[in-house]
């Protein structure tokens, strides 16, 4: 449990820093508050609709399964993209779905460990409001 909490905190902090640096490099019209990630358990995603805004991330808590064991097929990558989970020497990064454009897309996540039902859910991305 401690590793999972640490992973979520590290991932959230990295998302916030990356967003702040990215927004700082944009034109003044693009500056605004950092968008917090949405964190959900992989077990809770089945059949769900996840609402995000452009630039927001769905941080997926894989529970006791390895963070790098999940892959995803995304129907429309102009709406959302997948980031593979990984571990390095000092941190664990959960897999995530990145909201990149307005629209709706289906996501099917599978686990390489097998025997685990594919996770099918929908991501709806709306425009970020100022």
C-alpha atoms as a PDB file:
ATOM      1  CA  UNK A   1       0.000   0.000   0.000  1.00  0.00           C
ATOM      2  CA  UNK A   2       2.831   2.394   0.846  1.00  0.00           C
ATOM      3  CA  UNK A   3       4.368   1.851  -2.597  1.00  0.00           C
ATOM      4  CA  UNK A   4       1.032   2.620  -4.272  1.00  0.00           C
ATOM      5  CA  UNK A   5       0.539   5.818  -2.268  1.00  0.00           C
ATOM      6  CA  UNK A   6       4.126   6.832  -3.019  1.00  0.00           C
ATOM      7  CA  UNK A   7       3.591   6.065  -6.705  1.00  0.00           C
ATOM      8  CA  UNK A   8       0.479   8.217  -6.894  1.00  0.00           C
ATOM      9  CA  UNK A   9       2.223  11.083  -5.103  1.00  0.00           C
ATOM     10  CA  UNK A  10       5.320  10.869  -7.315  1.00  0.00           C
ATOM     11  CA  UNK A  11       3.215  10.657 -10.480  1.00  0.00           C
ATOM     12  CA  UNK A  12       0.989  13.553  -9.393  1.00  0.00           C
ATOM     13  CA  UNK A  13       3.994  15.700  -8.519  1.00  0.00           C
ATOM     14  CA  UNK A  14       5.661  14.962 -11.849  1.00  0.00           C
ATOM     15  CA  UNK A  15       2.463  15.766 -13.749  1.00  0.00           C
ATOM     16  CA  UNK A  16       2.131  19.055 -11.871  1.00  0.00           C
ATOM     17  CA  UNK A  17       5.758  20.042 -12.505  1.00  0.00           C
ATOM     18  CA  UNK A  18       5.572  19.055 -16.180  1.00  0.00           C
ATOM     19  CA  UNK A  19       2.320  20.967 -16.645  1.00  0.00           C
ATOM     20  CA  UNK A  20       3.718  24.036 -14.902  1.00  0.00           C
ATOM     21  CA  UNK A  21       6.851  24.001 -17.050  1.00  0.00           C
ATOM     22  CA  UNK A  22       4.836  23.433 -20.226  1.00  0.00           C
ATOM     23  CA  UNK A  23       2.350  26.180 -19.423  1.00  0.00           C
ATOM     24  CA  UNK A  24       5.145  28.551 -18.507  1.00  0.00           C
ATOM     25  CA  UNK A  25       6.593  28.146 -21.991  1.00  0.00           C
ATOM     26  CA  UNK A  26       3.255  28.867 -23.701  1.00  0.00           C
ATOM     27  CA  UNK A  27       1.816  32.185 -24.754  1.00  0.00           C
ATOM     28  CA  UNK A  28       0.151  34.307 -22.050  1.00  0.00           C
ATOM     29  CA  UNK A  29      -3.283  33.197 -23.281  1.00  0.00           C
ATOM     30  CA  UNK A  30      -2.409  29.594 -22.391  1.00  0.00           C
ATOM     31  CA  UNK A  31      -1.234  30.283 -18.845  1.00  0.00           C
ATOM     32  CA  UNK A  32      -3.564  29.120 -16.144  1.00  0.00           C
ATOM     33  CA  UNK A  33      -3.899  26.802 -13.213  1.00  0.00           C
ATOM     34  CA  UNK A  34      -2.310  23.379 -13.285  1.00  0.00           C
ATOM     35  CA  UNK A  35      -4.853  20.631 -13.914  1.00  0.00           C
ATOM     36  CA  UNK A  36      -4.770  17.923 -11.265  1.00  0.00           C
ATOM     37  CA  UNK A  37      -4.786  14.335 -12.511  1.00  0.00           C
ATOM     38  CA  UNK A  38      -7.763  12.063 -11.922  1.00  0.00           C
ATOM     39  CA  UNK A  39      -6.745   8.861 -10.106  1.00  0.00           C
ATOM     40  CA  UNK A  40      -8.802   5.688 -10.423  1.00  0.00           C
ATOM     41  CA  UNK A  41      -8.162   2.063  -9.603  1.00  0.00           C
ATOM     42  CA  UNK A  42      -7.917  -0.266 -12.594  1.00  0.00           C
ATOM     43  CA  UNK A  43     -10.558  -2.394 -10.840  1.00  0.00           C
ATOM     44  CA  UNK A  44     -13.018   0.525 -10.931  1.00  0.00           C
ATOM     45  CA  UNK A  45     -12.645   1.401 -14.639  1.00  0.00           C
ATOM     46  CA  UNK A  46     -14.684  -1.421 -16.211  1.00  0.00           C
ATOM     47  CA  UNK A  47     -17.647   0.081 -18.121  1.00  0.00           C
ATOM     48  CA  UNK A  48     -17.053   3.584 -16.761  1.00  0.00           C
ATOM     49  CA  UNK A  49     -17.046   6.928 -18.532  1.00  0.00           C
ATOM     50  CA  UNK A  50     -14.146   9.086 -17.378  1.00  0.00           C
ATOM     51  CA  UNK A  51     -14.481  12.837 -17.924  1.00  0.00           C
ATOM     52  CA  UNK A  52     -11.244  14.773 -18.475  1.00  0.00           C
ATOM     53  CA  UNK A  53     -10.292  18.177 -19.850  1.00  0.00           C
ATOM     54  CA  UNK A  54      -7.613  18.754 -22.459  1.00  0.00           C
ATOM     55  CA  UNK A  55      -4.234  18.453 -20.739  1.00  0.00           C
ATOM     56  CA  UNK A  56      -5.505  16.340 -17.863  1.00  0.00           C
ATOM     57  CA  UNK A  57      -4.262  12.831 -17.054  1.00  0.00           C
ATOM     58  CA  UNK A  58      -6.063   9.741 -15.806  1.00  0.00           C
ATOM     59  CA  UNK A  59      -3.621   8.135 -13.357  1.00  0.00           C
ATOM     60  CA  UNK A  60      -4.404   4.402 -13.141  1.00  0.00           C
ATOM     61  CA  UNK A  61      -3.668   2.626  -9.866  1.00  0.00           C
ATOM     62  CA  UNK A  62      -2.888  -0.999 -10.761  1.00  0.00           C
ATOM     63  CA  UNK A  63      -3.123  -2.265  -7.182  1.00  0.00           C
ATOM     64  CA  UNK A  64      -1.001  -5.357  -6.598  1.00  0.00           C
ATOM     65  CA  UNK A  65      -0.310  -5.877 -10.322  1.00  0.00           C
ATOM     66  CA  UNK A  66       2.918  -4.540 -11.835  1.00  0.00           C
ATOM     67  CA  UNK A  67       2.503  -1.023 -13.249  1.00  0.00           C
ATOM     68  CA  UNK A  68       4.250  -2.023 -16.470  1.00  0.00           C
ATOM     69  CA  UNK A  69       1.988  -5.040 -17.119  1.00  0.00           C
ATOM     70  CA  UNK A  70      -0.824  -3.002 -18.700  1.00  0.00           C
ATOM     71  CA  UNK A  71      -1.162  -1.931 -22.326  1.00  0.00           C
ATOM     72  CA  UNK A  72      -3.997  -0.002 -23.945  1.00  0.00           C
ATOM     73  CA  UNK A  73      -5.673   0.253 -27.319  1.00  0.00           C
ATOM     74  CA  UNK A  74      -7.285   3.648 -27.816  1.00  0.00           C
ATOM     75  CA  UNK A  75      -9.819   4.038 -30.624  1.00  0.00           C
ATOM     76  CA  UNK A  76      -9.055   7.715 -31.329  1.00  0.00           C
ATOM     77  CA  UNK A  77      -5.583   8.901 -30.395  1.00  0.00           C
ATOM     78  CA  UNK A  78      -6.474  12.473 -31.368  1.00  0.00           C
ATOM     79  CA  UNK A  79      -8.591  12.453 -28.185  1.00  0.00           C
ATOM     80  CA  UNK A  80      -6.409  10.468 -25.765  1.00  0.00           C
ATOM     81  CA  UNK A  81      -3.082   8.652 -25.619  1.00  0.00           C
ATOM     82  CA  UNK A  82      -1.673   5.992 -23.316  1.00  0.00           C
ATOM     83  CA  UNK A  83       1.464   6.237 -21.190  1.00  0.00           C
ATOM     84  CA  UNK A  84       2.971   2.920 -20.106  1.00  0.00           C
ATOM     85  CA  UNK A  85       3.610   2.452 -16.390  1.00  0.00           C
ATOM     86  CA  UNK A  86       7.220   1.929 -15.374  1.00  0.00           C
ATOM     87  CA  UNK A  87       9.623   1.626 -12.493  1.00  0.00           C
ATOM     88  CA  UNK A  88      13.082   3.107 -12.252  1.00  0.00           C
ATOM     89  CA  UNK A  89      15.657   3.121  -9.480  1.00  0.00           C
ATOM     90  CA  UNK A  90      13.869   5.689  -7.341  1.00  0.00           C
ATOM     91  CA  UNK A  91      10.205   5.843  -8.349  1.00  0.00           C
ATOM     92  CA  UNK A  92       7.203   3.961  -9.670  1.00  0.00           C
ATOM     93  CA  UNK A  93       5.013   5.566 -12.344  1.00  0.00           C
ATOM     94  CA  UNK A  94       1.459   4.331 -12.866  1.00  0.00           C
ATOM     95  CA  UNK A  95       0.077   3.906 -16.378  1.00  0.00           C
ATOM     96  CA  UNK A  96      -2.058   6.795 -17.555  1.00  0.00           C
ATOM     97  CA  UNK A  97      -4.406   8.148 -20.170  1.00  0.00           C
ATOM     98  CA  UNK A  98      -3.534  11.624 -21.443  1.00  0.00           C
ATOM     99  CA  UNK A  99      -6.363  13.888 -22.663  1.00  0.00           C
ATOM    100  CA  UNK A 100      -5.012  15.507 -25.844  1.00  0.00           C
ATOM    101  CA  UNK A 101      -8.081  16.689 -27.771  1.00  0.00           C
ATOM    102  CA  UNK A 102     -11.814  17.276 -27.470  1.00  0.00           C
ATOM    103  CA  UNK A 103     -13.997  14.239 -28.140  1.00  0.00           C
ATOM    104  CA  UNK A 104     -14.822  10.764 -26.938  1.00  0.00           C
ATOM    105  CA  UNK A 105     -12.905   7.528 -27.353  1.00  0.00           C
ATOM    106  CA  UNK A 106     -13.071   3.947 -26.243  1.00  0.00           C
ATOM    107  CA  UNK A 107     -10.168   2.431 -24.334  1.00  0.00           C
ATOM    108  CA  UNK A 108      -9.386  -1.260 -23.910  1.00  0.00           C
ATOM    109  CA  UNK A 109      -6.661  -2.057 -21.397  1.00  0.00           C
ATOM    110  CA  UNK A 110      -5.156  -5.520 -21.230  1.00  0.00           C
ATOM    111  CA  UNK A 111      -2.714  -7.069 -18.807  1.00  0.00           C
ATOM    112  CA  UNK A 112       0.208  -9.160 -20.041  1.00  0.00           C
ATOM    113  CA  UNK A 113      -0.062 -11.406 -16.981  1.00  0.00           C
ATOM    114  CA  UNK A 114      -3.123 -12.964 -18.644  1.00  0.00           C
ATOM    115  CA  UNK A 115      -6.221 -14.329 -17.007  1.00  0.00           C
ATOM    116  CA  UNK A 116      -7.374 -10.798 -16.334  1.00  0.00           C
ATOM    117  CA  UNK A 117     -10.453  -9.545 -18.161  1.00  0.00           C
ATOM    118  CA  UNK A 118      -9.722  -6.596 -20.488  1.00  0.00           C
ATOM    119  CA  UNK A 119     -10.805  -3.266 -19.018  1.00  0.00           C
ATOM    120  CA  UNK A 120     -13.134  -1.429 -21.381  1.00  0.00           C
ATOM    121  CA  UNK A 121     -14.093   2.161 -20.653  1.00  0.00           C
ATOM    122  CA  UNK A 122     -14.774   5.481 -22.365  1.00  0.00           C
ATOM    123  CA  UNK A 123     -12.842   8.724 -22.043  1.00  0.00           C
ATOM    124  CA  UNK A 124     -14.694  11.965 -22.770  1.00  0.00           C
ATOM    125  CA  UNK A 125     -12.469  15.016 -23.168  1.00  0.00           C
ATOM    126  CA  UNK A 126     -13.801  18.567 -23.087  1.00  0.00           C
ATOM    127  CA  UNK A 127     -12.138  21.921 -23.607  1.00  0.00           C
ATOM    128  CA  UNK A 128     -10.396  23.446 -20.635  1.00  0.00           C
ATOM    129  CA  UNK A 129     -12.186  26.534 -19.372  1.00  0.00           C
ATOM    130  CA  UNK A 130     -10.162  29.611 -18.438  1.00  0.00           C
END
